[in-house]
Amino acid sequence: MSGGRFDHEMGLIKTLYEAKKLTNIPLLLVSECSVTFLLDEGEHTIHASTGYEAQHVGLIPVGQPCQVTTTGLQWNLDNGTLSFDDIVSTSNRLLDEIVYIKCNRPLLFTMEYKNDMIN
């Protein structure tokens, strides 16, 4: 699902954030070329070996700065800080089929997929 306009996209991201308080069911935002979801504070393993994924991923802090450690990406972080005041990890790339992410605050994860395989 895509909001189309940027303000709608931001509204959908806020909905992801608010929905975490109401349910444990994983919620995804799916657009024509990406899937996005919110990671809670903690450790996460993402299996990126469906055949649909493309190369690009992004890690975007929600609200406050976030300490992040990753493996499986071209530009891994080792307890690095992601913040709108400093660095936001956009245009990173998948290197492995499994991506490990540890974060101390909510973190938005977005991954490009090959939409020509869906149609």
PDB file of N, CA and C in Angstrom:
ATOM      1  N   MET A   1       0.848  -1.167   0.000  1.00  0.00           N
ATOM      2  CA  MET A   1       0.000   0.000   0.000  1.00  0.00           C
ATOM      3  C   MET A   1       0.893   1.230   0.000  1.00  0.00           C
ATOM      4  N   SER A   2       0.575   2.143  -0.830  1.00  0.00           N
ATOM      5  CA  SER A   2       1.365   3.359  -0.943  1.00  0.00           C
ATOM      6  C   SER A   2       0.441   4.554  -0.820  1.00  0.00           C
ATOM      7  N   GLY A   3       0.920   5.588  -0.141  1.00  0.00           N
ATOM      8  CA  GLY A   3       0.121   6.784   0.018  1.00  0.00           C
ATOM      9  C   GLY A   3       0.197   7.716  -1.169  1.00  0.00           C
ATOM     10  N   GLY A   4       1.158   7.495  -2.081  1.00  0.00           N
ATOM     11  CA  GLY A   4       1.299   8.366  -3.237  1.00  0.00           C
ATOM     12  C   GLY A   4       2.025   9.648  -2.892  1.00  0.00           C
ATOM     13  N   ARG A   5       1.321  10.596  -2.304  1.00  0.00           N
ATOM     14  CA  ARG A   5       1.945  11.849  -1.895  1.00  0.00           C
ATOM     15  C   ARG A   5       2.840  11.615  -0.688  1.00  0.00           C
ATOM     16  N   PHE A   6       3.887  12.434  -0.578  1.00  0.00           N
ATOM     17  CA  PHE A   6       4.842  12.265   0.512  1.00  0.00           C
ATOM     18  C   PHE A   6       4.186  12.413   1.883  1.00  0.00           C
ATOM     19  N   ASP A   7       3.268  13.379   2.041  1.00  0.00           N
ATOM     20  CA  ASP A   7       2.618  13.548   3.342  1.00  0.00           C
ATOM     21  C   ASP A   7       1.799  12.318   3.710  1.00  0.00           C
ATOM     22  N   HIS A   8       1.219  11.653   2.713  1.00  0.00           N
ATOM     23  CA  HIS A   8       0.488  10.411   2.972  1.00  0.00           C
ATOM     24  C   HIS A   8       1.445   9.294   3.377  1.00  0.00           C
ATOM     25  N   GLU A   9       2.597   9.225   2.720  1.00  0.00           N
ATOM     26  CA  GLU A   9       3.610   8.225   3.077  1.00  0.00           C
ATOM     27  C   GLU A   9       4.033   8.404   4.535  1.00  0.00           C
ATOM     28  N   MET A  10       4.263   9.642   4.946  1.00  0.00           N
ATOM     29  CA  MET A  10       4.649   9.907   6.331  1.00  0.00           C
ATOM     30  C   MET A  10       3.523   9.536   7.291  1.00  0.00           C
ATOM     31  N   GLY A  11       2.294   9.773   6.884  1.00  0.00           N
ATOM     32  CA  GLY A  11       1.151   9.366   7.702  1.00  0.00           C
ATOM     33  C   GLY A  11       1.095   7.856   7.873  1.00  0.00           C
ATOM     34  N   LEU A  12       1.418   7.114   6.820  1.00  0.00           N
ATOM     35  CA  LEU A  12       1.447   5.654   6.911  1.00  0.00           C
ATOM     36  C   LEU A  12       2.566   5.177   7.829  1.00  0.00           C
ATOM     37  N   ILE A  13       3.701   5.847   7.790  1.00  0.00           N
ATOM     38  CA  ILE A  13       4.803   5.487   8.685  1.00  0.00           C
ATOM     39  C   ILE A  13       4.401   5.751  10.133  1.00  0.00           C
ATOM     40  N   LYS A  14       3.715   6.848  10.392  1.00  0.00           N
ATOM     41  CA  LYS A  14       3.223   7.113  11.747  1.00  0.00           C
ATOM     42  C   LYS A  14       2.235   6.034  12.167  1.00  0.00           C
ATOM     43  N   THR A  15       1.406   5.571  11.246  1.00  0.00           N
ATOM     44  CA  THR A  15       0.470   4.492  11.550  1.00  0.00           C
ATOM     45  C   THR A  15       1.215   3.219  11.944  1.00  0.00           C
ATOM     46  N   LEU A  16       2.315   2.898  11.250  1.00  0.00           N
ATOM     47  CA  LEU A  16       3.134   1.748  11.640  1.00  0.00           C
ATOM     48  C   LEU A  16       3.605   1.903  13.081  1.00  0.00           C
ATOM     49  N   TYR A  17       4.067   3.083  13.424  1.00  0.00           N
ATOM     50  CA  TYR A  17       4.581   3.369  14.760  1.00  0.00           C
ATOM     51  C   TYR A  17       3.476   3.218  15.810  1.00  0.00           C
ATOM     52  N   GLU A  18       2.320   3.778  15.552  1.00  0.00           N
ATOM     53  CA  GLU A  18       1.201   3.708  16.497  1.00  0.00           C
ATOM     54  C   GLU A  18       0.648   2.287  16.600  1.00  0.00           C
ATOM     55  N   ALA A  19       0.628   1.547  15.502  1.00  0.00           N
ATOM     56  CA  ALA A  19       0.076   0.188  15.496  1.00  0.00           C
ATOM     57  C   ALA A  19       0.880  -0.759  16.374  1.00  0.00           C
ATOM     58  N   LYS A  20       2.176  -0.493  16.552  1.00  0.00           N
ATOM     59  CA  LYS A  20       3.014  -1.336  17.416  1.00  0.00           C
ATOM     60  C   LYS A  20       2.478  -1.362  18.846  1.00  0.00           C
ATOM     61  N   LYS A  21       1.778  -0.316  19.253  1.00  0.00           N
ATOM     62  CA  LYS A  21       1.212  -0.248  20.604  1.00  0.00           C
ATOM     63  C   LYS A  21      -0.053  -1.097  20.726  1.00  0.00           C
ATOM     64  N   LEU A  22      -0.660  -1.443  19.585  1.00  0.00           N
ATOM     65  CA  LEU A  22      -1.955  -2.116  19.590  1.00  0.00           C
ATOM     66  C   LEU A  22      -1.901  -3.600  19.255  1.00  0.00           C
ATOM     67  N   THR A  23      -0.876  -4.023  18.516  1.00  0.00           N
ATOM     68  CA  THR A  23      -0.847  -5.409  18.054  1.00  0.00           C
ATOM     69  C   THR A  23       0.585  -5.897  17.887  1.00  0.00           C
ATOM     70  N   ASN A  24       0.753  -7.196  17.988  1.00  0.00           N
ATOM     71  CA  ASN A  24       2.049  -7.822  17.712  1.00  0.00           C
ATOM     72  C   ASN A  24       2.110  -8.368  16.293  1.00  0.00           C
ATOM     73  N   ILE A  25       1.032  -8.209  15.549  1.00  0.00           N
ATOM     74  CA  ILE A  25       0.993  -8.678  14.164  1.00  0.00           C
ATOM     75  C   ILE A  25       1.910  -7.791  13.329  1.00  0.00           C
ATOM     76  N   PRO A  26       2.852  -8.375  12.596  1.00  0.00           N
ATOM     77  CA  PRO A  26       3.736  -7.559  11.748  1.00  0.00           C
ATOM     78  C   PRO A  26       2.942  -6.827  10.665  1.00  0.00           C
ATOM     79  N   LEU A  27       3.165  -5.545  10.553  1.00  0.00           N
ATOM     80  CA  LEU A  27       2.518  -4.740   9.524  1.00  0.00           C
ATOM     81  C   LEU A  27       3.561  -4.272   8.529  1.00  0.00           C
ATOM     82  N   LEU A  28       3.207  -4.328   7.256  1.00  0.00           N
ATOM     83  CA  LEU A  28       4.113  -3.950   6.178  1.00  0.00           C
ATOM     84  C   LEU A  28       3.484  -2.859   5.340  1.00  0.00           C
ATOM     85  N   LEU A  29       4.302  -1.933   4.873  1.00  0.00           N
ATOM     86  CA  LEU A  29       3.887  -0.985   3.842  1.00  0.00           C
ATOM     87  C   LEU A  29       4.507  -1.473   2.546  1.00  0.00           C
ATOM     88  N   VAL A  30       3.677  -1.739   1.563  1.00  0.00           N
ATOM     89  CA  VAL A  30       4.160  -2.259   0.286  1.00  0.00           C
ATOM     90  C   VAL A  30       3.822  -1.253  -0.806  1.00  0.00           C
ATOM     91  N   SER A  31       4.839  -0.820  -1.532  1.00  0.00           N
ATOM     92  CA  SER A  31       4.633   0.092  -2.655  1.00  0.00           C
ATOM     93  C   SER A  31       4.969  -0.644  -3.947  1.00  0.00           C
ATOM     94  N   GLU A  32       5.045   0.077  -5.033  1.00  0.00           N
ATOM     95  CA  GLU A  32       5.361  -0.539  -6.322  1.00  0.00           C
ATOM     96  C   GLU A  32       6.754  -1.134  -6.368  1.00  0.00           C
ATOM     97  N   CYS A  33       7.661  -0.658  -5.510  1.00  0.00           N
ATOM     98  CA  CYS A  33       9.043  -1.132  -5.605  1.00  0.00           C
ATOM     99  C   CYS A  33       9.716  -1.406  -4.268  1.00  0.00           C
ATOM    100  N   SER A  34       8.981  -1.298  -3.146  1.00  0.00           N
ATOM    101  CA  SER A  34       9.630  -1.549  -1.860  1.00  0.00           C
ATOM    102  C   SER A  34       8.640  -2.058  -0.822  1.00  0.00           C
ATOM    103  N   VAL A  35       9.214  -2.691   0.190  1.00  0.00           N
ATOM    104  CA  VAL A  35       8.450  -3.103   1.365  1.00  0.00           C
ATOM    105  C   VAL A  35       9.130  -2.457   2.570  1.00  0.00           C
ATOM    106  N   THR A  36       8.313  -1.919   3.480  1.00  0.00           N
ATOM    107  CA  THR A  36       8.822  -1.170   4.621  1.00  0.00           C
ATOM    108  C   THR A  36       8.126  -1.648   5.881  1.00  0.00           C
ATOM    109  N   PHE A  37       8.903  -1.795   6.957  1.00  0.00           N
ATOM    110  CA  PHE A  37       8.304  -2.156   8.234  1.00  0.00           C
ATOM    111  C   PHE A  37       9.119  -1.567   9.366  1.00  0.00           C
ATOM    112  N   LEU A  38       8.493  -1.517  10.536  1.00  0.00           N
ATOM    113  CA  LEU A  38       9.110  -0.909  11.706  1.00  0.00           C
ATOM    114  C   LEU A  38       9.673  -1.993  12.607  1.00  0.00           C
ATOM    115  N   LEU A  39      10.948  -1.867  12.941  1.00  0.00           N
ATOM    116  CA  LEU A  39      11.596  -2.786  13.866  1.00  0.00           C
ATOM    117  C   LEU A  39      11.536  -2.192  15.266  1.00  0.00           C
ATOM    118  N   ASP A  40      11.107  -3.002  16.234  1.00  0.00           N
ATOM    119  CA  ASP A  40      11.144  -2.572  17.628  1.00  0.00           C
ATOM    120  C   ASP A  40      12.576  -2.568  18.126  1.00  0.00           C
ATOM    121  N   GLU A  41      12.780  -1.961  19.264  1.00  0.00           N
ATOM    122  CA  GLU A  41      14.065  -2.044  19.954  1.00  0.00           C
ATOM    123  C   GLU A  41      14.397  -3.521  20.166  1.00  0.00           C
ATOM    124  N   GLY A  42      15.650  -3.900  19.873  1.00  0.00           N
ATOM    125  CA  GLY A  42      16.067  -5.284  20.080  1.00  0.00           C
ATOM    126  C   GLY A  42      16.851  -5.830  18.905  1.00  0.00           C
ATOM    127  N   GLU A  43      16.900  -7.170  18.823  1.00  0.00           N
ATOM    128  CA  GLU A  43      17.659  -7.857  17.781  1.00  0.00           C
ATOM    129  C   GLU A  43      16.706  -8.468  16.764  1.00  0.00           C
ATOM    130  N   HIS A  44      17.077  -8.359  15.482  1.00  0.00           N
ATOM    131  CA  HIS A  44      16.211  -8.820  14.398  1.00  0.00           C
ATOM    132  C   HIS A  44      17.033  -9.555  13.346  1.00  0.00           C
ATOM    133  N   THR A  45      16.458 -10.618  12.817  1.00  0.00           N
ATOM    134  CA  THR A  45      17.051 -11.343  11.701  1.00  0.00           C
ATOM    135  C   THR A  45      16.073 -11.260  10.542  1.00  0.00           C
ATOM    136  N   ILE A  46      16.531 -10.730   9.424  1.00  0.00           N
ATOM    137  CA  ILE A  46      15.686 -10.572   8.240  1.00  0.00           C
ATOM    138  C   ILE A  46      16.212 -11.501   7.160  1.00  0.00           C
ATOM    139  N   HIS A  47      15.345 -12.392   6.682  1.00  0.00           N
ATOM    140  CA  HIS A  47      15.709 -13.331   5.625  1.00  0.00           C
ATOM    141  C   HIS A  47      15.386 -12.683   4.283  1.00  0.00           C
ATOM    142  N   ALA A  48      16.407 -12.343   3.550  1.00  0.00           N
ATOM    143  CA  ALA A  48      16.253 -11.628   2.278  1.00  0.00           C
ATOM    144  C   ALA A  48      16.667 -12.548   1.137  1.00  0.00           C
ATOM    145  N   SER A  49      15.990 -13.679   1.039  1.00  0.00           N
ATOM    146  CA  SER A  49      16.370 -14.657   0.016  1.00  0.00           C
ATOM    147  C   SER A  49      15.147 -15.219  -0.695  1.00  0.00           C
ATOM    148  N   THR A  50      14.177 -14.358  -0.964  1.00  0.00           N
ATOM    149  CA  THR A  50      12.950 -14.813  -1.607  1.00  0.00           C
ATOM    150  C   THR A  50      13.069 -14.866  -3.126  1.00  0.00           C
ATOM    151  N   GLY A  51      14.062 -14.183  -3.669  1.00  0.00           N
ATOM    152  CA  GLY A  51      14.173 -14.056  -5.112  1.00  0.00           C
ATOM    153  C   GLY A  51      13.507 -12.792  -5.629  1.00  0.00           C
ATOM    154  N   TYR A  52      12.700 -12.144  -4.799  1.00  0.00           N
ATOM    155  CA  TYR A  52      12.022 -10.911  -5.193  1.00  0.00           C
ATOM    156  C   TYR A  52      12.804  -9.662  -4.812  1.00  0.00           C
ATOM    157  N   GLU A  53      13.707  -9.798  -3.845  1.00  0.00           N
ATOM    158  CA  GLU A  53      14.393  -8.608  -3.356  1.00  0.00           C
ATOM    159  C   GLU A  53      15.403  -8.098  -4.380  1.00  0.00           C
ATOM    160  N   ALA A  54      15.563  -6.802  -4.391  1.00  0.00           N
ATOM    161  CA  ALA A  54      16.602  -6.167  -5.197  1.00  0.00           C
ATOM    162  C   ALA A  54      17.745  -5.831  -4.244  1.00  0.00           C
ATOM    163  N   GLN A  55      18.615  -4.934  -4.610  1.00  0.00           N
ATOM    164  CA  GLN A  55      19.809  -4.675  -3.814  1.00  0.00           C
ATOM    165  C   GLN A  55      19.634  -3.667  -2.689  1.00  0.00           C
ATOM    166  N   HIS A  56      18.829  -2.655  -2.872  1.00  0.00           N
ATOM    167  CA  HIS A  56      18.846  -1.505  -1.969  1.00  0.00           C
ATOM    168  C   HIS A  56      17.990  -1.692  -0.720  1.00  0.00           C
ATOM    169  N   VAL A  57      18.549  -1.247   0.407  1.00  0.00           N
ATOM    170  CA  VAL A  57      17.824  -1.218   1.673  1.00  0.00           C
ATOM    171  C   VAL A  57      18.095   0.118   2.355  1.00  0.00           C
ATOM    172  N   GLY A  58      17.231   0.467   3.282  1.00  0.00           N
ATOM    173  CA  GLY A  58      17.425   1.673   4.066  1.00  0.00           C
ATOM    174  C   GLY A  58      17.090   1.421   5.522  1.00  0.00           C
ATOM    175  N   LEU A  59      17.799   2.094   6.402  1.00  0.00           N
ATOM    176  CA  LEU A  59      17.560   2.050   7.846  1.00  0.00           C
ATOM    177  C   LEU A  59      17.350   3.484   8.303  1.00  0.00           C
ATOM    178  N   ILE A  60      16.155   3.771   8.803  1.00  0.00           N
ATOM    179  CA  ILE A  60      15.794   5.149   9.102  1.00  0.00           C
ATOM    180  C   ILE A  60      15.272   5.233  10.533  1.00  0.00           C
ATOM    181  N   PRO A  61      15.888   6.063  11.375  1.00  0.00           N
ATOM    182  CA  PRO A  61      15.411   6.194  12.751  1.00  0.00           C
ATOM    183  C   PRO A  61      14.051   6.880  12.786  1.00  0.00           C
ATOM    184  N   VAL A  62      13.245   6.493  13.757  1.00  0.00           N
ATOM    185  CA  VAL A  62      11.922   7.086  13.913  1.00  0.00           C
ATOM    186  C   VAL A  62      11.924   7.915  15.193  1.00  0.00           C
ATOM    187  N   GLY A  63      11.901   9.215  15.045  1.00  0.00           N
ATOM    188  CA  GLY A  63      11.852  10.092  16.211  1.00  0.00           C
ATOM    189  C   GLY A  63      13.222  10.413  16.768  1.00  0.00           C
ATOM    190  N   GLN A  64      13.730   9.557  17.629  1.00  0.00           N
ATOM    191  CA  GLN A  64      14.975   9.818  18.338  1.00  0.00           C
ATOM    192  C   GLN A  64      16.153   9.132  17.662  1.00  0.00           C
ATOM    193  N   PRO A  65      17.375   9.595  17.946  1.00  0.00           N
ATOM    194  CA  PRO A  65      18.560   8.896  17.440  1.00  0.00           C
ATOM    195  C   PRO A  65      18.554   7.438  17.890  1.00  0.00           C
ATOM    196  N   CYS A  66      19.126   6.588  17.068  1.00  0.00           N
ATOM    197  CA  CYS A  66      19.083   5.146  17.291  1.00  0.00           C
ATOM    198  C   CYS A  66      20.481   4.553  17.137  1.00  0.00           C
ATOM    199  N   GLN A  67      20.917   3.759  18.115  1.00  0.00           N
ATOM    200  CA  GLN A  67      22.183   3.032  18.024  1.00  0.00           C
ATOM    201  C   GLN A  67      21.910   1.735  17.270  1.00  0.00           C
ATOM    202  N   VAL A  68      22.704   1.462  16.228  1.00  0.00           N
ATOM    203  CA  VAL A  68      22.424   0.331  15.342  1.00  0.00           C
ATOM    204  C   VAL A  68      23.696  -0.456  15.048  1.00  0.00           C
ATOM    205  N   THR A  69      23.553  -1.781  15.088  1.00  0.00           N
ATOM    206  CA  THR A  69      24.596  -2.703  14.653  1.00  0.00           C
ATOM    207  C   THR A  69      23.982  -3.595  13.585  1.00  0.00           C
ATOM    208  N   THR A  70      24.696  -3.805  12.472  1.00  0.00           N
ATOM    209  CA  THR A  70      24.175  -4.645  11.392  1.00  0.00           C
ATOM    210  C   THR A  70      25.252  -5.588  10.868  1.00  0.00           C
ATOM    211  N   THR A  71      24.801  -6.681  10.268  1.00  0.00           N
ATOM    212  CA  THR A  71      25.641  -7.530   9.425  1.00  0.00           C
ATOM    213  C   THR A  71      24.807  -7.897   8.208  1.00  0.00           C
ATOM    214  N   GLY A  72      25.479  -8.237   7.119  1.00  0.00           N
ATOM    215  CA  GLY A  72      24.789  -8.631   5.899  1.00  0.00           C
ATOM    216  C   GLY A  72      24.567  -7.512   4.905  1.00  0.00           C
ATOM    217  N   LEU A  73      25.042  -6.316   5.226  1.00  0.00           N
ATOM    218  CA  LEU A  73      24.885  -5.165   4.336  1.00  0.00           C
ATOM    219  C   LEU A  73      26.247  -4.712   3.823  1.00  0.00           C
ATOM    220  N   GLN A  74      26.244  -3.980   2.728  1.00  0.00           N
ATOM    221  CA  GLN A  74      27.500  -3.471   2.185  1.00  0.00           C
ATOM    222  C   GLN A  74      28.168  -2.508   3.163  1.00  0.00           C
ATOM    223  N   TRP A  75      27.379  -1.631   3.773  1.00  0.00           N
ATOM    224  CA  TRP A  75      27.908  -0.667   4.733  1.00  0.00           C
ATOM    225  C   TRP A  75      27.303  -0.975   6.103  1.00  0.00           C
ATOM    226  N   ASN A  76      27.916  -1.931   6.799  1.00  0.00           N
ATOM    227  CA  ASN A  76      27.429  -2.326   8.111  1.00  0.00           C
ATOM    228  C   ASN A  76      27.740  -1.255   9.144  1.00  0.00           C
ATOM    229  N   LEU A  77      26.966  -1.276  10.192  1.00  0.00           N
ATOM    230  CA  LEU A  77      27.156  -0.367  11.317  1.00  0.00           C
ATOM    231  C   LEU A  77      27.589  -1.172  12.533  1.00  0.00           C
ATOM    232  N   ASP A  78      28.488  -0.620  13.314  1.00  0.00           N
ATOM    233  CA  ASP A  78      28.932  -1.242  14.559  1.00  0.00           C
ATOM    234  C   ASP A  78      28.617  -0.277  15.694  1.00  0.00           C
ATOM    235  N   ASN A  79      27.403  -0.398  16.211  1.00  0.00           N
ATOM    236  CA  ASN A  79      26.899   0.499  17.245  1.00  0.00           C
ATOM    237  C   ASN A  79      26.948   1.960  16.776  1.00  0.00           C
ATOM    238  N   GLY A  80      26.656   2.152  15.504  1.00  0.00           N
ATOM    239  CA  GLY A  80      26.618   3.495  14.936  1.00  0.00           C
ATOM    240  C   GLY A  80      25.318   4.201  15.279  1.00  0.00           C
ATOM    241  N   THR A  81      25.360   5.505  15.263  1.00  0.00           N
ATOM    242  CA  THR A  81      24.173   6.304  15.563  1.00  0.00           C
ATOM    243  C   THR A  81      23.526   6.762  14.268  1.00  0.00           C
ATOM    244  N   LEU A  82      22.243   6.445  14.113  1.00  0.00           N
ATOM    245  CA  LEU A  82      21.449   6.966  13.003  1.00  0.00           C
ATOM    246  C   LEU A  82      20.548   8.053  13.557  1.00  0.00           C
ATOM    247  N   SER A  83      20.531   9.193  12.874  1.00  0.00           N
ATOM    248  CA  SER A  83      19.778  10.345  13.345  1.00  0.00           C
ATOM    249  C   SER A  83      19.586  11.316  12.186  1.00  0.00           C
ATOM    250  N   PHE A  84      18.474  12.039  12.195  1.00  0.00           N
ATOM    251  CA  PHE A  84      18.278  13.065  11.177  1.00  0.00           C
ATOM    252  C   PHE A  84      19.241  14.232  11.364  1.00  0.00           C
ATOM    253  N   ASP A  85      19.875  14.322  12.528  1.00  0.00           N
ATOM    254  CA  ASP A  85      20.898  15.341  12.760  1.00  0.00           C
ATOM    255  C   ASP A  85      22.255  14.934  12.207  1.00  0.00           C
ATOM    256  N   ASP A  86      22.405  13.658  11.826  1.00  0.00           N
ATOM    257  CA  ASP A  86      23.715  13.154  11.425  1.00  0.00           C
ATOM    258  C   ASP A  86      23.585  12.220  10.221  1.00  0.00           C
ATOM    259  N   ILE A  87      23.513  10.931  10.452  1.00  0.00           N
ATOM    260  CA  ILE A  87      23.505   9.943   9.367  1.00  0.00           C
ATOM    261  C   ILE A  87      22.186   9.182   9.336  1.00  0.00           C
ATOM    262  N   VAL A  88      21.644   8.998   8.144  1.00  0.00           N
ATOM    263  CA  VAL A  88      20.527   8.100   7.890  1.00  0.00           C
ATOM    264  C   VAL A  88      21.022   7.121   6.835  1.00  0.00           C
ATOM    265  N   SER A  89      20.836   5.835   7.066  1.00  0.00           N
ATOM    266  CA  SER A  89      21.379   4.821   6.163  1.00  0.00           C
ATOM    267  C   SER A  89      20.422   4.555   5.009  1.00  0.00           C
ATOM    268  N   THR A  90      20.532   5.359   3.964  1.00  0.00           N
ATOM    269  CA  THR A  90      19.746   5.128   2.756  1.00  0.00           C
ATOM    270  C   THR A  90      20.683   4.622   1.665  1.00  0.00           C
ATOM    271  N   SER A  91      20.135   3.940   0.700  1.00  0.00           N
ATOM    272  CA  SER A  91      20.905   3.398  -0.430  1.00  0.00           C
ATOM    273  C   SER A  91      22.000   2.436   0.012  1.00  0.00           C
ATOM    274  N   ASN A  92      21.768   1.731   1.124  1.00  0.00           N
ATOM    275  CA  ASN A  92      22.656   0.649   1.505  1.00  0.00           C
ATOM    276  C   ASN A  92      22.328  -0.532   0.600  1.00  0.00           C
ATOM    277  N   ARG A  93      23.110  -1.590   0.659  1.00  0.00           N
ATOM    278  CA  ARG A  93      22.889  -2.731  -0.236  1.00  0.00           C
ATOM    279  C   ARG A  93      22.978  -4.047   0.516  1.00  0.00           C
ATOM    280  N   LEU A  94      22.145  -4.993   0.083  1.00  0.00           N
ATOM    281  CA  LEU A  94      22.208  -6.349   0.614  1.00  0.00           C
ATOM    282  C   LEU A  94      23.465  -7.033   0.109  1.00  0.00           C
ATOM    283  N   LEU A  95      24.177  -7.699   1.002  1.00  0.00           N
ATOM    284  CA  LEU A  95      25.308  -8.536   0.609  1.00  0.00           C
ATOM    285  C   LEU A  95      25.037 -10.003   0.892  1.00  0.00           C
ATOM    286  N   ASP A  96      24.220 -10.282   1.895  1.00  0.00           N
ATOM    287  CA  ASP A  96      23.928 -11.649   2.308  1.00  0.00           C
ATOM    288  C   ASP A  96      22.431 -11.909   2.266  1.00  0.00           C
ATOM    289  N   GLU A  97      22.077 -13.193   2.322  1.00  0.00           N
ATOM    290  CA  GLU A  97      20.667 -13.569   2.341  1.00  0.00           C
ATOM    291  C   GLU A  97      20.030 -13.328   3.703  1.00  0.00           C
ATOM    292  N   ILE A  98      20.861 -13.196   4.721  1.00  0.00           N
ATOM    293  CA  ILE A  98      20.359 -12.923   6.068  1.00  0.00           C
ATOM    294  C   ILE A  98      20.982 -11.617   6.558  1.00  0.00           C
ATOM    295  N   VAL A  99      20.124 -10.719   7.018  1.00  0.00           N
ATOM    296  CA  VAL A  99      20.565  -9.434   7.561  1.00  0.00           C
ATOM    297  C   VAL A  99      20.239  -9.427   9.054  1.00  0.00           C
ATOM    298  N   TYR A 100      21.226  -9.098   9.857  1.00  0.00           N
ATOM    299  CA  TYR A 100      21.055  -8.987  11.304  1.00  0.00           C
ATOM    300  C   TYR A 100      21.068  -7.506  11.666  1.00  0.00           C
ATOM    301  N   ILE A 101      20.090  -7.110  12.480  1.00  0.00           N
ATOM    302  CA  ILE A 101      20.006  -5.718  12.924  1.00  0.00           C
ATOM    303  C   ILE A 101      19.726  -5.692  14.422  1.00  0.00           C
ATOM    304  N   LYS A 102      20.520  -4.927  15.132  1.00  0.00           N
ATOM    305  CA  LYS A 102      20.282  -4.676  16.552  1.00  0.00           C
ATOM    306  C   LYS A 102      20.108  -3.174  16.707  1.00  0.00           C
ATOM    307  N   CYS A 103      19.014  -2.762  17.357  1.00  0.00           N
ATOM    308  CA  CYS A 103      18.749  -1.334  17.525  1.00  0.00           C
ATOM    309  C   CYS A 103      18.219  -1.067  18.935  1.00  0.00           C
ATOM    310  N   ASN A 104      18.484   0.120  19.437  1.00  0.00           N
ATOM    311  CA  ASN A 104      18.043   0.454  20.789  1.00  0.00           C
ATOM    312  C   ASN A 104      16.766   1.292  20.814  1.00  0.00           C
ATOM    313  N   ARG A 105      16.231   1.606  19.647  1.00  0.00           N
ATOM    314  CA  ARG A 105      14.972   2.343  19.517  1.00  0.00           C
ATOM    315  C   ARG A 105      14.287   1.864  18.235  1.00  0.00           C
ATOM    316  N   PRO A 106      13.017   2.231  18.040  1.00  0.00           N
ATOM    317  CA  PRO A 106      12.357   1.836  16.796  1.00  0.00           C
ATOM    318  C   PRO A 106      13.138   2.314  15.568  1.00  0.00           C
ATOM    319  N   LEU A 107      13.174   1.445  14.565  1.00  0.00           N
ATOM    320  CA  LEU A 107      13.948   1.708  13.352  1.00  0.00           C
ATOM    321  C   LEU A 107      13.139   1.253  12.149  1.00  0.00           C
ATOM    322  N   LEU A 108      13.013   2.120  11.174  1.00  0.00           N
ATOM    323  CA  LEU A 108      12.305   1.784   9.945  1.00  0.00           C
ATOM    324  C   LEU A 108      13.258   1.050   9.012  1.00  0.00           C
ATOM    325  N   PHE A 109      12.826  -0.112   8.515  1.00  0.00           N
ATOM    326  CA  PHE A 109      13.612  -0.890   7.563  1.00  0.00           C
ATOM    327  C   PHE A 109      12.854  -0.906   6.249  1.00  0.00           C
ATOM    328  N   THR A 110      13.509  -0.532   5.180  1.00  0.00           N
ATOM    329  CA  THR A 110      12.877  -0.558   3.868  1.00  0.00           C
ATOM    330  C   THR A 110      13.773  -1.311   2.902  1.00  0.00           C
ATOM    331  N   MET A 111      13.153  -2.125   2.053  1.00  0.00           N
ATOM    332  CA  MET A 111      13.899  -2.964   1.125  1.00  0.00           C
ATOM    333  C   MET A 111      13.238  -2.915  -0.251  1.00  0.00           C
ATOM    334  N   GLU A 112      14.046  -2.676  -1.238  1.00  0.00           N
ATOM    335  CA  GLU A 112      13.586  -2.649  -2.623  1.00  0.00           C
ATOM    336  C   GLU A 112      13.291  -4.077  -3.080  1.00  0.00           C
ATOM    337  N   TYR A 113      12.278  -4.232  -3.928  1.00  0.00           N
ATOM    338  CA  TYR A 113      12.059  -5.528  -4.560  1.00  0.00           C
ATOM    339  C   TYR A 113      11.839  -5.337  -6.049  1.00  0.00           C
ATOM    340  N   LYS A 114      11.998  -6.437  -6.763  1.00  0.00           N
ATOM    341  CA  LYS A 114      11.867  -6.412  -8.222  1.00  0.00           C
ATOM    342  C   LYS A 114      10.392  -6.516  -8.575  1.00  0.00           C
ATOM    343  N   ASN A 115       9.783  -5.393  -8.907  1.00  0.00           N
ATOM    344  CA  ASN A 115       8.352  -5.417  -9.176  1.00  0.00           C
ATOM    345  C   ASN A 115       8.007  -6.114 -10.480  1.00  0.00           C
ATOM    346  N   ASP A 116       8.973  -6.302 -11.379  1.00  0.00           N
ATOM    347  CA  ASP A 116       8.678  -7.021 -12.617  1.00  0.00           C
ATOM    348  C   ASP A 116       8.425  -8.502 -12.349  1.00  0.00           C
ATOM    349  N   MET A 117       8.865  -9.011 -11.197  1.00  0.00           N
ATOM    350  CA  MET A 117       8.618 -10.401 -10.845  1.00  0.00           C
ATOM    351  C   MET A 117       7.224 -10.574 -10.248  1.00  0.00           C
ATOM    352  N   ILE A 118       6.620  -9.499  -9.790  1.00  0.00           N
ATOM    353  CA  ILE A 118       5.302  -9.553  -9.174  1.00  0.00           C
ATOM    354  C   ILE A 118       4.212  -9.511 -10.240  1.00  0.00           C
ATOM    355  N   ASN A 119       4.412  -8.708 -11.268  1.00  0.00           N
ATOM    356  CA  ASN A 119       3.380  -8.516 -12.303  1.00  0.00           C
ATOM    357  C   ASN A 119       3.201  -9.732 -13.172  1.00  0.00           C
TER     358      ASN A 119
END
